[in-house]
Amino acid sequence: MLDSLIYDWNKIGAPAIPKRVMLDDETLRDGLQSPSVKTPTIGDKIKILHLIDQLGIDTADIGLPGAGPHVVADVERLAREIVGSRLKVRANCAARTTVSDIRPIAEITQRTGLPIEVGAFIGSSPIRQYTEGWTIDWLLKSTEEAVSFAVKEGLEVMYVTEDTTRADPETLRRLYVCAIRSGARRICLADTVGHATPWGATAVVKFAAQVIKDEGADVGIDWHGHRDRDLAVINSIAALEAGASRVHAAALGIGERVGNTPMDLLLVNLVVMGFLERDLTPLMPYCDAVSEACGVPIPDNYPVVGRDAFRTATGVHAAAVVKAWRKGDIELMDAVYSSIPASIVGRHQEIEVGPMSGKSNVLFWLESRGIPASDPVVDRVFAKAKASTTVLTEAEILAEVYR
């Protein structure tokens, strides 16, 4: 029925659904690089890992063992959890493009029996090369040595060029060809400082795809975005449309500076667009667990999972929702003033009573709780709301009901 009530302009010129869409969860590695997050306990990390698995996310970055023994211990514990609990999510680990960073990953794989993909990253842009004093020859030598070592150790390699979206084509071509010929199975384009626009993301993904085609290789493309310009979600979608098959994100968008692509919003958009079929009811527990474990409050107005996402106190909005409710049509109620159905994440539409409310808000609030909505009660609550500067609490409304 809703299809006949909503004219969807988004379907005009919409891209074809990609053949394959995979997700890589960076919450437990890149997400923890935020200067504001608290490092979760290993117990919290395990809980988050299970929620990642419940969401059907394909791979998860479980740490950077090259950072030291404390990270090695956590990564090994998470690897053992995947094996012991028979989780479907596959593991990868970040590493600088050095043998010393990759060796501990190989050792964890040997001790646990869990195949772990190596995400070997190296700076690629001219500004990084100039600042660090790197030469292209040094980058190529490091790439060949590190990737070849990982392959000899039986590890699959995702070769990550940092700052890809500000790197020149010739440098990228030489680095990718070197990595592919050394045995890398995937290349990852990193928008490390959130520089890209959707058309920039499209251009660089298509460029990488052409390099792979020229090599005659069977190599996948990843996209790793940051949200400095708040374009991370749309850039990820553009990257998928252009030929990437896996995109990276972190819960609530946590990560370096203002963070990574938010996994929660990316997932919701991919499902609503038809790019993925997924049960999103674990999304709220996933976001809540990361919020609590990392000390990152979820803003009230955060889309989909924020407190106000499906909550209104405005008279006109509430009146339409109430009319849909009175028709007994939950789908209509979920769509009349919302582009995302609350039900897909296990939530429902909420109507509050405040200074911008009409009497329909009061009537709905009372009736939905089984409280008789007599005229005197409605009038008292309505008068209280109009005299308030904020939405009334449950206690304030009940005080007027039983006065």
Protein backbone atom coordinates (compact mmCIF):
# COMPACT_ATOMS: atom_id res chain seq x y z
CA MET A 1 0.00 0.00 0.00
CA LEU A 2 2.77 2.43 0.90
CA ASP A 3 4.18 2.25 -2.63
CA SER A 4 0.99 3.86 -3.89
CA LEU A 5 1.22 6.62 -1.26
CA ILE A 6 4.87 7.61 -1.70
CA TYR A 7 6.39 8.79 -4.98
CA ASP A 8 10.04 7.88 -4.66
CA TRP A 9 12.28 10.22 -6.67
CA ASN A 10 15.27 8.26 -5.38
CA LYS A 11 14.46 5.51 -7.88
CA ILE A 12 15.00 7.85 -10.82
CA GLY A 13 18.58 7.47 -11.99
CA ALA A 14 19.36 5.11 -9.11
CA PRO A 15 22.49 2.99 -9.56
CA ALA A 16 22.35 -0.70 -10.23
CA ILE A 17 22.71 -2.80 -7.10
CA PRO A 18 26.35 -3.95 -6.87
CA LYS A 19 26.99 -7.66 -7.37
CA ARG A 20 28.71 -7.92 -4.00
CA VAL A 21 28.63 -5.66 -0.95
CA MET A 22 30.82 -6.54 2.02
CA LEU A 23 31.47 -4.63 5.22
CA ASP A 24 34.59 -4.37 7.35
CA ASP A 25 34.11 -3.19 10.94
CA GLU A 26 36.87 -0.89 12.21
CA THR A 27 35.34 -0.22 15.65
CA LEU A 28 37.92 -2.24 17.60
CA ARG A 29 40.96 -0.78 15.85
CA ASP A 30 40.66 2.48 13.92
CA GLY A 31 37.62 3.43 15.99
CA LEU A 32 39.71 3.35 19.16
CA GLN A 33 42.15 5.91 17.75
CA SER A 34 39.72 8.70 18.64
CA PRO A 35 41.32 10.98 21.24
CA SER A 36 38.03 11.01 23.14
CA VAL A 37 37.21 7.31 23.46
CA LYS A 38 37.93 5.06 26.40
CA THR A 39 39.63 1.78 25.47
CA PRO A 40 37.15 -1.03 26.12
CA THR A 41 38.00 -3.93 28.39
CA ILE A 42 38.60 -7.26 26.69
CA GLY A 43 35.19 -8.34 27.99
CA ASP A 44 33.58 -5.37 26.26
CA LYS A 45 35.53 -6.08 23.07
CA ILE A 46 34.23 -9.64 23.04
CA LYS A 47 30.66 -8.39 23.53
CA ILE A 48 31.07 -5.94 20.64
CA LEU A 49 32.62 -8.67 18.47
CA HIS A 50 29.55 -10.86 19.02
CA LEU A 51 27.24 -7.97 18.04
CA ILE A 52 29.32 -7.37 14.91
CA ASP A 53 28.76 -11.03 14.08
CA GLN A 54 25.01 -10.80 14.78
CA LEU A 55 24.75 -7.92 12.31
CA GLY A 56 26.20 -10.14 9.58
CA ILE A 57 29.24 -7.90 9.08
CA ASP A 58 31.75 -9.78 6.94
CA THR A 59 35.08 -8.86 8.52
CA ALA A 60 36.34 -7.03 11.59
CA ASP A 61 39.67 -5.37 12.28
CA ILE A 62 40.55 -6.75 15.71
CA GLY A 63 43.68 -4.70 16.35
CA LEU A 64 47.21 -3.69 15.42
CA PRO A 65 49.50 -6.23 17.11
CA GLY A 66 52.57 -4.25 16.08
CA ALA A 67 51.57 -1.65 18.69
CA GLY A 68 52.82 -3.84 21.53
CA PRO A 69 52.26 -6.87 23.80
CA HIS A 70 48.99 -5.52 25.28
CA VAL A 71 47.44 -5.38 21.80
CA VAL A 72 48.83 -8.81 20.92
CA ALA A 73 47.10 -10.26 23.99
CA ASP A 74 43.72 -8.71 23.11
CA VAL A 75 43.96 -9.69 19.45
CA GLU A 76 44.79 -13.28 20.36
CA ARG A 77 41.87 -13.42 22.82
CA LEU A 78 39.49 -12.09 20.15
CA ALA A 79 40.85 -14.57 17.63
CA ARG A 80 40.24 -17.42 20.07
CA GLU A 81 36.70 -16.14 20.66
CA ILE A 82 35.95 -16.29 16.94
CA VAL A 83 37.23 -19.88 16.82
CA GLY A 84 35.69 -21.04 20.09
CA SER A 85 32.26 -19.46 19.51
CA ARG A 86 32.28 -20.37 15.82
CA LEU A 87 31.52 -16.82 14.79
CA LYS A 88 31.01 -16.20 11.09
CA VAL A 89 32.81 -12.85 11.04
CA ARG A 90 36.31 -13.08 9.59
CA ALA A 91 39.25 -11.31 11.20
CA ASN A 92 41.82 -8.90 9.92
CA CYS A 93 44.55 -6.92 11.62
CA ALA A 94 46.16 -3.63 10.74
CA ALA A 95 49.90 -3.44 10.22
CA ARG A 96 52.37 -0.94 8.99
CA THR A 97 53.94 -2.19 5.78
CA THR A 98 56.86 -3.72 7.63
CA VAL A 99 57.87 -7.28 8.43
CA SER A 100 58.07 -6.43 12.14
CA ASP A 101 54.37 -5.50 12.24
CA ILE A 102 53.24 -8.50 10.19
CA ARG A 103 55.22 -11.15 12.08
CA PRO A 104 53.05 -11.02 15.26
CA ILE A 105 49.92 -11.47 13.13
CA ALA A 106 51.42 -14.61 11.60
CA GLU A 107 52.31 -15.88 15.08
CA ILE A 108 48.75 -15.29 16.38
CA THR A 109 47.37 -17.17 13.37
CA GLN A 110 49.70 -20.08 14.10
CA ARG A 111 48.77 -20.18 17.80
CA THR A 112 45.00 -19.89 17.29
CA GLY A 113 44.44 -21.57 13.94
CA LEU A 114 42.39 -18.57 12.78
CA PRO A 115 43.18 -17.17 9.32
CA ILE A 116 43.78 -13.42 9.76
CA GLU A 117 43.92 -11.02 6.84
CA VAL A 118 46.68 -8.42 7.04
CA GLY A 119 45.71 -4.82 6.35
CA ALA A 120 49.15 -3.46 5.50
CA PHE A 121 49.03 0.33 5.27
CA ILE A 122 51.51 2.84 3.87
CA GLY A 123 51.31 6.55 3.06
CA SER A 124 50.94 7.35 -0.63
CA SER A 125 50.30 11.07 -1.15
CA PRO A 126 52.96 13.61 -2.10
CA ILE A 127 52.30 15.58 1.09
CA ARG A 128 53.00 12.50 3.22
CA GLN A 129 56.09 11.62 1.20
CA TYR A 130 57.46 15.15 1.55
CA THR A 131 56.70 15.40 5.27
CA GLU A 132 58.10 11.95 6.11
CA GLY A 133 61.10 12.16 3.77
CA TRP A 134 60.03 9.05 1.85
CA THR A 135 61.02 8.29 -1.74
CA ILE A 136 58.92 6.27 -4.16
CA ASP A 137 61.72 3.70 -4.31
CA TRP A 138 61.55 3.26 -0.53
CA LEU A 139 57.76 2.86 -0.66
CA LEU A 140 58.06 0.22 -3.37
CA LYS A 141 60.82 -1.66 -1.54
CA SER A 142 58.81 -1.65 1.71
CA THR A 143 55.71 -2.83 -0.11
CA GLU A 144 57.43 -5.73 -1.87
CA GLU A 145 59.22 -6.92 1.28
CA ALA A 146 56.21 -6.74 3.59
CA VAL A 147 53.60 -8.18 1.23
CA SER A 148 55.90 -10.99 0.10
CA PHE A 149 56.67 -11.87 3.73
CA ALA A 150 52.98 -12.02 4.63
CA VAL A 151 52.17 -14.22 1.65
CA LYS A 152 55.01 -16.61 2.51
CA GLU A 153 53.53 -16.85 6.01
CA GLY A 154 50.23 -17.94 4.48
CA LEU A 155 48.41 -14.69 5.20
CA GLU A 156 46.04 -12.93 2.83
CA VAL A 157 46.94 -9.29 2.32
CA MET A 158 44.83 -6.19 1.88
CA TYR A 159 47.25 -3.49 0.77
CA VAL A 160 46.15 -0.08 2.07
CA THR A 161 47.37 3.17 0.57
CA GLU A 162 46.86 5.89 3.15
CA ASP A 163 45.69 9.27 1.86
CA THR A 164 44.78 7.70 -1.48
CA THR A 165 42.35 10.50 -2.31
CA ARG A 166 45.22 13.03 -2.39
CA ALA A 167 47.77 10.79 -4.11
CA ASP A 168 48.81 11.15 -7.76
CA PRO A 169 47.83 8.46 -10.29
CA GLU A 170 51.37 7.44 -11.24
CA THR A 171 52.41 6.78 -7.63
CA LEU A 172 49.23 4.81 -6.95
CA ARG A 173 49.68 2.76 -10.10
CA ARG A 174 53.24 1.82 -9.21
CA LEU A 175 52.32 0.93 -5.63
CA TYR A 176 49.31 -1.16 -6.63
CA VAL A 177 51.19 -3.03 -9.33
CA CYS A 178 53.97 -3.77 -6.85
CA ALA A 179 51.51 -5.01 -4.20
CA ILE A 180 49.55 -7.13 -6.66
CA ARG A 181 52.64 -8.74 -8.13
CA SER A 182 53.87 -9.42 -4.58
CA GLY A 183 50.65 -11.31 -3.81
CA ALA A 184 48.13 -8.86 -2.33
CA ARG A 185 44.56 -10.12 -2.73
CA ARG A 186 42.84 -6.79 -2.10
CA ILE A 187 43.78 -3.13 -2.35
CA CYS A 188 42.22 -0.56 -0.06
CA LEU A 189 41.70 3.08 -1.00
CA ALA A 190 41.84 5.17 2.16
CA ASP A 191 40.27 8.61 2.38
CA THR A 192 42.44 9.14 5.44
CA VAL A 193 41.62 12.81 6.05
CA GLY A 194 38.07 12.79 4.71
CA HIS A 195 39.08 14.76 1.62
CA ALA A 196 36.92 13.00 -0.96
CA THR A 197 33.65 14.02 -2.53
CA PRO A 198 31.35 11.35 -4.03
CA TRP A 199 32.65 12.08 -7.53
CA GLY A 200 36.23 11.96 -6.26
CA ALA A 201 35.57 8.60 -4.62
CA THR A 202 34.08 7.34 -7.87
CA ALA A 203 37.07 8.53 -9.89
CA VAL A 204 39.73 6.94 -7.70
CA VAL A 205 37.87 3.61 -7.40
CA LYS A 206 37.47 3.42 -11.18
CA PHE A 207 41.16 4.25 -11.56
CA ALA A 208 42.14 1.42 -9.20
CA ALA A 209 39.82 -0.98 -11.03
CA GLN A 210 41.55 -0.11 -14.31
CA VAL A 211 44.98 -0.79 -12.79
CA ILE A 212 43.76 -4.21 -11.65
CA LYS A 213 42.29 -4.90 -15.09
CA ASP A 214 45.53 -3.86 -16.78
CA GLU A 215 47.36 -6.37 -14.56
CA GLY A 216 44.87 -9.11 -15.42
CA ALA A 217 44.52 -9.76 -11.70
CA ASP A 218 41.65 -11.01 -9.55
CA VAL A 219 41.96 -8.46 -6.76
CA GLY A 220 39.19 -6.87 -4.70
CA ILE A 221 38.83 -3.18 -3.90
CA ASP A 222 38.11 -1.78 -0.44
CA TRP A 223 37.07 1.75 0.52
CA HIS A 224 38.04 3.22 3.89
CA GLY A 225 36.45 6.60 4.55
CA HIS A 226 36.68 9.31 7.19
CA ARG A 227 34.05 11.91 7.94
CA ASP A 228 35.95 15.21 8.13
CA ARG A 229 33.59 16.74 5.53
CA ASP A 230 30.67 14.59 6.73
CA LEU A 231 30.52 12.84 3.35
CA ALA A 232 31.64 9.43 4.58
CA VAL A 233 28.38 7.54 4.05
CA ILE A 234 27.65 8.88 0.57
CA ASN A 235 31.31 8.39 -0.41
CA SER A 236 31.09 4.75 0.65
CA ILE A 237 27.96 4.28 -1.46
CA ALA A 238 29.65 5.99 -4.41
CA ALA A 239 32.67 3.71 -3.98
CA LEU A 240 30.44 0.63 -4.10
CA GLU A 241 28.69 1.91 -7.20
CA ALA A 242 32.08 2.51 -8.85
CA GLY A 243 33.38 -0.99 -8.23
CA ALA A 244 34.52 -1.39 -4.62
CA SER A 245 33.23 -4.61 -3.06
CA ARG A 246 34.00 -3.93 0.60
CA VAL A 247 33.66 -0.73 2.61
CA HIS A 248 34.96 0.03 6.08
CA ALA A 249 33.12 1.70 8.96
CA ALA A 250 32.97 1.94 12.74
CA ALA A 251 30.09 2.03 15.20
CA LEU A 252 28.79 5.57 15.76
CA GLY A 253 31.52 6.81 13.41
CA ILE A 254 34.18 6.77 16.13
CA GLY A 255 37.79 7.10 15.06
CA GLU A 256 40.65 9.47 14.36
CA ARG A 257 39.69 13.18 14.64
CA VAL A 258 35.94 13.32 13.88
CA GLY A 259 35.90 9.65 12.99
CA ASN A 260 35.26 6.94 10.41
CA THR A 261 32.22 6.20 8.29
CA PRO A 262 29.46 5.33 10.81
CA MET A 263 28.66 1.64 10.43
CA ASP A 264 25.15 2.05 11.82
CA LEU A 265 24.07 4.69 9.29
CA LEU A 266 25.88 2.96 6.43
CA LEU A 267 24.10 -0.32 7.22
CA VAL A 268 20.68 1.32 7.42
CA ASN A 269 21.16 3.11 4.11
CA LEU A 270 22.42 0.00 2.33
CA VAL A 271 19.40 -1.97 3.56
CA VAL A 272 16.89 0.76 2.67
CA MET A 273 18.49 1.14 -0.78
CA GLY A 274 18.30 -2.60 -1.39
CA PHE A 275 22.09 -3.05 -1.55
CA LEU A 276 21.90 -5.49 1.39
CA GLU A 277 19.33 -7.69 3.07
CA ARG A 278 20.01 -7.72 6.79
CA ASP A 279 18.32 -8.09 10.16
CA LEU A 280 19.01 -4.74 11.82
CA THR A 281 17.42 -5.47 15.19
CA PRO A 282 20.90 -5.95 16.77
CA LEU A 283 21.84 -2.41 15.67
CA MET A 284 20.61 -0.68 18.84
CA PRO A 285 22.43 -3.11 21.19
CA TYR A 286 25.57 -2.74 19.03
CA CYS A 287 25.54 1.05 19.26
CA ASP A 288 24.63 1.04 22.94
CA ALA A 289 27.44 -1.41 23.74
CA VAL A 290 30.04 0.70 21.92
CA SER A 291 28.70 3.91 23.48
CA GLU A 292 28.99 2.47 26.98
CA ALA A 293 32.28 0.64 26.51
CA CYS A 294 34.03 3.57 24.81
CA GLY A 295 32.45 6.39 26.82
CA VAL A 296 30.92 7.95 23.69
CA PRO A 297 27.45 9.44 24.32
CA ILE A 298 24.93 9.04 21.50
CA PRO A 299 23.52 12.53 20.72
CA ASP A 300 19.74 12.74 21.11
CA ASN A 301 19.37 13.86 17.47
CA TYR A 302 21.67 11.17 16.03
CA PRO A 303 19.85 9.49 13.11
CA VAL A 304 18.17 6.12 13.63
CA VAL A 305 19.70 5.25 17.01
CA GLY A 306 19.49 8.60 18.79
CA ARG A 307 16.79 9.20 21.41
CA ASP A 308 14.88 11.62 19.19
CA ALA A 309 15.13 9.65 15.93
CA PHE A 310 11.50 8.46 16.07
CA ARG A 311 10.19 10.87 18.67
CA THR A 312 8.09 13.98 18.15
CA ALA A 313 6.33 16.51 20.35
CA THR A 314 5.16 18.85 17.57
CA GLY A 315 1.40 19.07 17.13
CA VAL A 316 1.21 18.82 13.32
CA HIS A 317 3.66 15.90 13.11
CA ALA A 318 2.10 14.07 16.01
CA ALA A 319 -1.43 14.54 14.64
CA ALA A 320 -0.52 12.75 11.41
CA VAL A 321 1.16 9.89 13.28
CA VAL A 322 -1.87 9.55 15.57
CA LYS A 323 -4.25 9.45 12.60
CA ALA A 324 -2.18 6.63 11.09
CA TRP A 325 -2.25 4.84 14.45
CA ARG A 326 -6.04 5.17 14.64
CA LYS A 327 -6.24 3.49 11.22
CA GLY A 328 -4.53 0.51 12.80
CA ASP A 329 -1.76 0.66 10.22
CA ILE A 330 1.69 0.39 11.83
CA GLU A 331 3.50 0.67 8.48
CA LEU A 332 1.64 3.90 7.75
CA MET A 333 2.41 5.19 11.23
CA ASP A 334 6.06 4.35 10.67
CA ALA A 335 6.22 6.17 7.31
CA VAL A 336 4.00 9.25 7.46
CA TYR A 337 6.69 11.37 9.15
CA SER A 338 9.75 9.15 8.83
CA SER A 339 11.94 8.05 5.93
CA ILE A 340 13.38 5.16 7.97
CA PRO A 341 10.89 2.73 9.51
CA ALA A 342 11.53 2.57 13.24
CA SER A 343 10.57 -1.10 13.17
CA ILE A 344 13.61 -2.16 11.11
CA VAL A 345 15.83 -1.45 14.13
CA GLY A 346 13.32 -2.71 16.67
CA ARG A 347 12.01 0.71 17.67
CA HIS A 348 8.63 2.45 17.43
CA GLN A 349 7.24 5.93 16.89
CA GLU A 350 7.03 7.97 20.11
CA ILE A 351 4.81 10.98 20.74
CA GLU A 352 5.65 13.29 23.62
CA VAL A 353 3.75 16.19 25.17
CA GLY A 354 5.37 19.62 25.27
CA PRO A 355 4.87 23.33 24.55
CA MET A 356 4.63 22.74 20.76
CA SER A 357 2.09 19.93 21.14
CA GLY A 358 -1.60 19.80 20.31
CA LYS A 359 -4.30 17.96 22.21
CA SER A 360 -3.82 14.96 19.90
CA ASN A 361 -0.44 14.43 21.57
CA VAL A 362 -2.11 14.28 24.96
CA LEU A 363 -4.85 11.96 23.76
CA PHE A 364 -2.35 9.56 22.16
CA TRP A 365 -0.06 9.58 25.21
CA LEU A 366 -2.95 8.68 27.52
CA GLU A 367 -4.74 6.21 25.26
CA SER A 368 -1.58 4.32 24.29
CA ARG A 369 -0.99 3.71 28.01
CA GLY A 370 -4.56 2.69 28.72
CA ILE A 371 -5.34 5.83 30.74
CA PRO A 372 -8.89 7.21 30.35
CA ALA A 373 -8.68 10.48 28.39
CA SER A 374 -11.48 12.50 29.96
CA ASP A 375 -11.82 16.14 28.96
CA PRO A 376 -10.71 17.50 32.37
CA VAL A 377 -7.59 15.30 32.37
CA VAL A 378 -6.70 16.25 28.79
CA ASP A 379 -7.19 19.94 29.57
CA ARG A 380 -4.98 19.80 32.67
CA VAL A 381 -2.15 18.02 30.90
CA PHE A 382 -2.46 20.31 27.87
CA ALA A 383 -2.33 23.43 30.07
CA LYS A 384 0.73 22.06 31.88
CA ALA A 385 2.47 21.43 28.54
CA LYS A 386 1.77 24.94 27.22
CA ALA A 387 3.24 26.45 30.38
CA SER A 388 6.40 24.33 30.13
CA THR A 389 9.63 25.09 28.29
CA THR A 390 10.41 21.41 27.71
CA VAL A 391 8.69 18.14 26.95
CA LEU A 392 6.83 16.88 30.01
CA THR A 393 8.20 13.89 31.85
CA GLU A 394 6.04 10.88 32.59
CA ALA A 395 5.91 11.90 36.26
CA GLU A 396 4.70 15.41 35.36
CA ILE A 397 1.91 14.06 33.15
CA LEU A 398 0.78 11.48 35.70
CA ALA A 399 0.73 14.18 38.39
CA GLU A 400 -1.89 16.04 36.32
CA VAL A 401 -3.81 12.84 35.54
CA TYR A 402 -4.22 11.86 39.17
CA ARG A 403 -4.47 15.34 40.64
